[in-house]
Protein backbone atom coordinates (compact mmCIF):
# COMPACT_ATOMS: atom_id res chain seq x y z
CA UNK A 1 25.31 68.28 39.55
CA UNK A 2 28.17 68.57 37.71
CA UNK A 3 30.73 71.68 38.42
CA UNK A 4 34.03 70.22 36.39
CA UNK A 5 33.18 68.11 33.46
CA UNK A 6 30.27 68.29 30.71
CA UNK A 7 27.94 65.08 30.12
CA UNK A 8 26.08 65.08 26.19
CA UNK A 9 24.12 62.70 25.56
CA UNK A 10 23.11 62.65 21.88
CA UNK A 11 21.78 58.94 20.53
CA UNK A 12 23.86 57.16 19.92
CA UNK A 13 27.05 58.97 21.45
CA UNK A 14 27.60 60.25 25.24
CA UNK A 15 30.41 62.74 25.37
CA UNK A 16 32.02 63.41 28.49
CA UNK A 17 34.25 66.46 28.65
CA UNK A 18 36.71 67.33 31.17
CA UNK A 19 35.75 71.11 31.42
CA UNK A 20 38.91 73.20 33.59
CA UNK A 21 40.32 75.06 30.64
CA UNK A 22 41.62 77.83 32.42
CA UNK A 23 44.06 74.65 34.36
CA UNK A 24 44.34 72.66 31.08
CA UNK A 25 41.54 70.46 32.31
CA UNK A 26 44.02 69.39 35.34
CA UNK A 27 42.33 66.75 37.44
CA UNK A 28 41.17 67.15 40.71
CA UNK A 29 39.73 64.42 43.05
CA UNK A 30 35.92 66.14 42.45
CA UNK A 31 36.71 65.77 38.56
CA UNK A 32 37.30 62.34 39.02
CA UNK A 33 34.47 61.86 40.76
CA UNK A 34 32.23 63.64 38.42
CA UNK A 35 33.85 61.38 35.35
CA UNK A 36 32.65 58.58 37.31
CA UNK A 37 29.46 59.21 37.97
CA UNK A 38 29.15 60.59 34.27
CA UNK A 39 30.37 56.99 32.99
CA UNK A 40 27.55 55.03 35.04
CA UNK A 41 24.89 57.96 33.39
CA UNK A 42 26.10 57.19 30.09
CA UNK A 43 26.50 53.19 30.81
CA UNK A 44 23.06 53.17 32.29
CA UNK A 45 21.38 55.24 29.21
CA UNK A 46 19.88 52.93 26.65
CA UNK A 47 20.04 55.11 23.49
CA UNK A 48 23.81 55.44 24.21
CA UNK A 49 26.07 52.76 22.38
CA UNK A 50 29.44 54.48 23.08
CA UNK A 51 30.99 57.08 25.27
CA UNK A 52 33.07 59.80 23.78
CA UNK A 53 35.79 61.24 26.27
CA UNK A 54 37.42 64.60 25.33
CA UNK A 55 38.82 67.94 27.09
CA UNK A 56 37.69 71.29 26.51
CA UNK A 57 40.15 73.94 25.06
CA UNK A 58 43.64 73.39 23.80
CA UNK A 59 44.29 70.25 25.89
CA UNK A 60 42.80 66.62 26.86
CA UNK A 61 44.25 67.11 30.26
CA UNK A 62 47.47 68.39 32.11
CA UNK A 63 47.47 65.32 34.70
CA UNK A 64 46.80 66.03 38.04
CA UNK A 65 46.41 69.71 39.42
CA UNK A 66 49.24 70.53 41.65
CA UNK A 67 47.34 72.94 43.83
CA UNK A 68 44.66 69.98 44.39
CA UNK A 69 47.67 67.76 45.57
CA UNK A 70 48.75 70.28 47.85
CA UNK A 71 45.62 70.93 49.06
CA UNK A 72 45.79 74.32 47.69
CA UNK A 73 42.28 76.19 47.51
CA UNK A 74 43.57 79.46 45.79
CA UNK A 75 41.80 77.97 42.62
CA UNK A 76 38.51 78.79 44.20
CA UNK A 77 36.92 75.55 43.22
CA UNK A 78 35.73 72.54 45.20
CA UNK A 79 38.86 70.55 44.18
CA UNK A 80 38.38 68.20 46.94
CA UNK A 81 34.39 66.97 46.32
CA UNK A 82 34.82 63.18 45.53
CA UNK A 83 33.00 62.44 49.46
CA UNK A 84 29.71 64.12 47.54
CA UNK A 85 26.94 61.47 48.17
CA UNK A 86 25.40 62.74 44.67
CA UNK A 87 28.34 61.74 42.94
CA UNK A 88 28.46 58.23 44.07
CA UNK A 89 28.34 55.59 41.55
CA UNK A 90 29.57 52.25 40.25
CA UNK A 91 30.10 51.98 36.10
CA UNK A 92 31.37 48.67 35.06
CA UNK A 93 29.85 45.34 34.42
CA UNK A 94 30.18 43.07 37.67
CA UNK A 95 30.36 40.18 35.63
CA UNK A 96 34.17 41.19 34.34
CA UNK A 97 35.42 40.26 37.87
CA UNK A 98 36.94 41.64 40.74
CA UNK A 99 40.34 42.43 39.02
CA UNK A 100 38.74 45.50 37.33
CA UNK A 101 37.61 47.21 40.62
CA UNK A 102 40.94 48.55 41.97
CA UNK A 103 40.83 52.26 41.46
CA UNK A 104 40.89 53.25 37.14
CA UNK A 105 40.76 49.39 36.34
CA UNK A 106 36.51 50.13 36.09
CA UNK A 107 37.51 51.90 32.87
CA UNK A 108 38.35 48.13 31.61
CA UNK A 109 34.80 46.77 32.63
CA UNK A 110 32.31 49.48 31.26
CA UNK A 111 29.81 47.97 29.36
CA UNK A 112 30.02 50.08 26.27
CA UNK A 113 32.99 51.39 24.32
CA UNK A 114 35.08 54.14 25.25
CA UNK A 115 36.96 56.26 23.44
CA UNK A 116 39.59 58.79 24.40
CA UNK A 117 39.82 62.15 21.90
CA UNK A 118 42.85 63.50 22.48
CA UNK A 119 43.31 67.08 21.82
CA UNK A 120 46.53 68.78 22.80
CA UNK A 121 48.35 67.83 25.77
CA UNK A 122 47.92 64.71 27.44
CA UNK A 123 50.08 63.93 30.72
CA UNK A 124 50.44 61.93 33.68
CA UNK A 125 47.01 60.57 34.99
CA UNK A 126 45.23 61.85 32.44
CA UNK A 127 47.58 59.86 30.08
CA UNK A 128 46.53 56.60 32.19
CA UNK A 129 42.92 57.33 31.82
CA UNK A 130 43.50 57.52 28.13
CA UNK A 131 45.23 54.42 28.04
CA UNK A 132 42.43 52.61 29.92
CA UNK A 133 40.09 53.72 27.43
CA UNK A 134 39.10 51.14 24.51
CA UNK A 135 40.54 53.19 21.74
CA UNK A 136 42.47 56.35 21.51
CA UNK A 137 41.74 58.74 18.57
CA UNK A 138 44.03 61.89 18.69
CA UNK A 139 44.21 65.49 16.62
CA UNK A 140 47.10 66.39 15.18
CA UNK A 141 48.35 68.68 18.06
CA UNK A 142 48.17 65.98 20.67
CA UNK A 143 51.10 65.06 22.77
CA UNK A 144 51.53 62.44 25.57
CA UNK A 145 53.96 62.39 28.27
CA UNK A 146 53.92 60.11 31.36
CA UNK A 147 56.30 62.67 33.82
CA UNK A 148 56.17 60.21 36.39
CA UNK A 149 59.85 59.82 36.88
CA UNK A 150 60.25 63.58 36.66
CA UNK A 151 57.90 64.11 39.69
CA UNK A 152 59.39 61.32 41.52
CA UNK A 153 56.77 58.52 41.10
CA UNK A 154 56.25 55.30 39.69
CA UNK A 155 54.04 53.91 36.57
CA UNK A 156 51.06 54.17 38.31
CA UNK A 157 47.48 53.02 38.51
CA UNK A 158 47.94 50.56 35.66
CA UNK A 159 49.91 51.93 33.31
CA UNK A 160 52.61 49.36 33.59
CA UNK A 161 49.79 46.73 32.98
CA UNK A 162 48.30 48.50 29.90
CA UNK A 163 51.15 50.12 28.29
CA UNK A 164 53.30 46.97 27.76
CA UNK A 165 50.25 44.86 26.25
CA UNK A 166 49.94 47.86 23.88
CA UNK A 167 53.52 48.55 22.76
CA UNK A 168 55.60 45.72 24.05
CA UNK A 169 58.12 45.74 26.85
CA UNK A 170 61.00 47.85 25.57
CA UNK A 171 58.38 50.69 24.25
CA UNK A 172 56.70 50.92 27.32
CA UNK A 173 59.60 51.20 29.58
CA UNK A 174 61.18 54.24 26.63
CA UNK A 175 57.66 55.95 27.45
CA UNK A 176 57.32 55.52 31.10
CA UNK A 177 61.56 56.53 31.54
CA UNK A 178 61.96 59.30 29.01
CA UNK A 179 60.90 62.89 29.58
CA UNK A 180 60.36 63.90 26.30
CA UNK A 181 56.78 64.50 24.53
CA UNK A 182 55.02 61.98 21.81
CA UNK A 183 53.79 63.55 19.51
CA UNK A 184 50.62 62.51 17.63
CA UNK A 185 52.95 61.44 14.86
CA UNK A 186 54.89 59.06 17.09
CA UNK A 187 51.99 57.97 18.92
CA UNK A 188 50.18 56.78 16.07
CA UNK A 189 53.92 54.80 14.57
CA UNK A 190 53.85 53.27 18.14
CA UNK A 191 50.59 51.83 18.49
CA UNK A 192 49.85 54.25 21.21
CA UNK A 193 46.87 55.81 19.26
CA UNK A 194 44.17 54.37 16.71
CA UNK A 195 44.07 57.38 14.33
CA UNK A 196 45.35 60.60 13.96
CA UNK A 197 42.87 63.30 12.37
CA UNK A 198 43.36 67.16 11.72
CA UNK A 199 42.04 68.95 14.95
CA UNK A 200 39.05 70.47 13.80
CA UNK A 201 37.57 67.08 12.95
CA UNK A 202 38.66 65.25 15.90
CA UNK A 203 35.47 65.07 17.72
CA UNK A 204 33.29 64.33 14.43
CA UNK A 205 35.57 61.27 13.54
CA UNK A 206 35.41 60.00 17.28
CA UNK A 207 31.32 60.51 17.37
CA UNK A 208 31.37 59.29 13.92
CA UNK A 209 32.94 55.98 14.75
CA UNK A 210 30.53 55.25 17.11
CA UNK A 211 27.61 55.87 14.77
CA UNK A 212 28.79 53.25 12.71
CA UNK A 213 29.25 51.06 15.78
CA UNK A 214 25.45 52.03 16.53
CA UNK A 215 24.12 51.00 12.93
CA UNK A 216 26.00 48.14 12.25
CA UNK A 217 26.55 45.94 15.42
CA UNK A 218 25.00 44.25 18.15
CA UNK A 219 25.69 46.44 21.53
CA UNK A 220 25.19 43.27 23.46
CA UNK A 221 28.18 41.52 21.10
CA UNK A 222 30.26 44.80 21.64
CA UNK A 223 29.76 44.53 25.21
CA UNK A 224 30.82 40.57 25.35
CA UNK A 225 33.91 40.91 23.12
CA UNK A 226 35.16 43.80 25.28
CA UNK A 227 35.16 41.56 28.56
CA UNK A 228 36.69 38.87 26.14
CA UNK A 229 39.69 40.79 25.28
CA UNK A 230 40.49 42.45 28.72
CA UNK A 231 40.09 39.15 30.41
CA UNK A 232 41.94 37.20 28.06
CA UNK A 233 45.12 39.16 28.80
CA UNK A 234 45.02 37.60 31.91
CA UNK A 235 44.18 34.05 30.91
CA UNK A 236 46.25 30.97 29.64
CA UNK A 237 45.10 29.81 26.21
CA UNK A 238 43.09 27.20 27.26
CA UNK A 239 41.05 28.91 29.65
CA UNK A 240 40.24 31.96 27.07
CA UNK A 241 39.14 29.47 24.47
CA UNK A 242 36.82 27.74 26.78
CA UNK A 243 35.48 30.66 27.66
CA UNK A 244 34.97 31.84 24.06
CA UNK A 245 33.29 28.37 23.58
CA UNK A 246 30.58 29.12 26.21
CA UNK A 247 30.13 32.81 25.30
CA UNK A 248 29.67 31.70 21.48
CA UNK A 249 27.00 28.95 22.60
CA UNK A 250 25.05 31.90 24.70
CA UNK A 251 25.07 33.86 21.85
CA UNK A 252 23.10 31.85 19.35
CA UNK A 253 20.20 32.07 22.07
CA UNK A 254 20.06 35.81 22.10
CA UNK A 255 17.77 37.70 19.64
CA UNK A 256 20.77 39.58 18.62
CA UNK A 257 21.92 36.47 16.52
CA UNK A 258 18.84 35.96 15.39
CA UNK A 259 18.48 39.55 13.78
CA UNK A 260 21.90 39.58 12.84
CA UNK A 261 21.24 36.49 10.44
CA UNK A 262 17.92 38.03 9.11
CA UNK A 263 19.22 41.26 8.40
CA UNK A 264 22.02 39.51 6.32
CA UNK A 265 19.41 37.34 4.21
CA UNK A 266 17.17 40.23 3.91
CA UNK A 267 20.18 42.45 2.89
CA UNK A 268 19.10 45.16 5.41
CA UNK A 269 20.19 47.22 8.46
CA UNK A 270 20.28 45.22 11.38
CA UNK A 271 18.04 46.12 14.13
CA UNK A 272 19.69 45.22 17.67
CA UNK A 273 18.35 46.29 20.79
CA UNK A 274 20.36 48.83 23.45
CA UNK A 275 21.62 47.93 26.44
CA UNK A 276 21.18 50.18 29.68
CA UNK A 277 20.49 48.85 33.30
């Protein structure tokens, strides 16, 4: 059913590719709906431990498509197909709480790791989406640009929440205010990305990271720790500590804990159950 993205599942990785290369993968309402649906599919598939999001061709995404914003259908595509009933989906962990239910906040509540593999330009709304992924790997040719001020806009869709938490307030304002392009090298220095690799190795590095998680870590533990980290960003210390104590007690009762201990004692790789619906 997807027209503007691709979803590929190869245990233990789901790869979602933004696929409008002729328009530098510029986002449309349909593409965003397809992305949400594909994330729900990947989240529900038990063979998937983690998800990689990337762009086809020479860039990750140029941001929101100007033609789609202006209602121009000259590109000959269904850019406004977000109302397609087949694309309705609600990804994300309901236990994460209502704070993650607004606009693209659902990305933070996905039950599986989400890694952005940023190739080439990543601007505007697509930069926000990359920021709301759990990790960011960048190819050497990747460049980031917010461009909000240059369009008469503001820090949109949670970028004013996540950027200061990643970089600190001053660096966040610098990136939001200044129209310059942030290279992959500067992004790594700032802490905007976790790793920079040669362009040709980007997808292998991203998928390899997920494969390493699948081989060594409990998917259930990954899910809970992700929820802990993002919820704790909004909690006082005492609340975060109490919640961590409760979750730790619950973890002792799960089969994953017994398998983790047994595999360590027996000197073998763990065999943790996967999670789906």
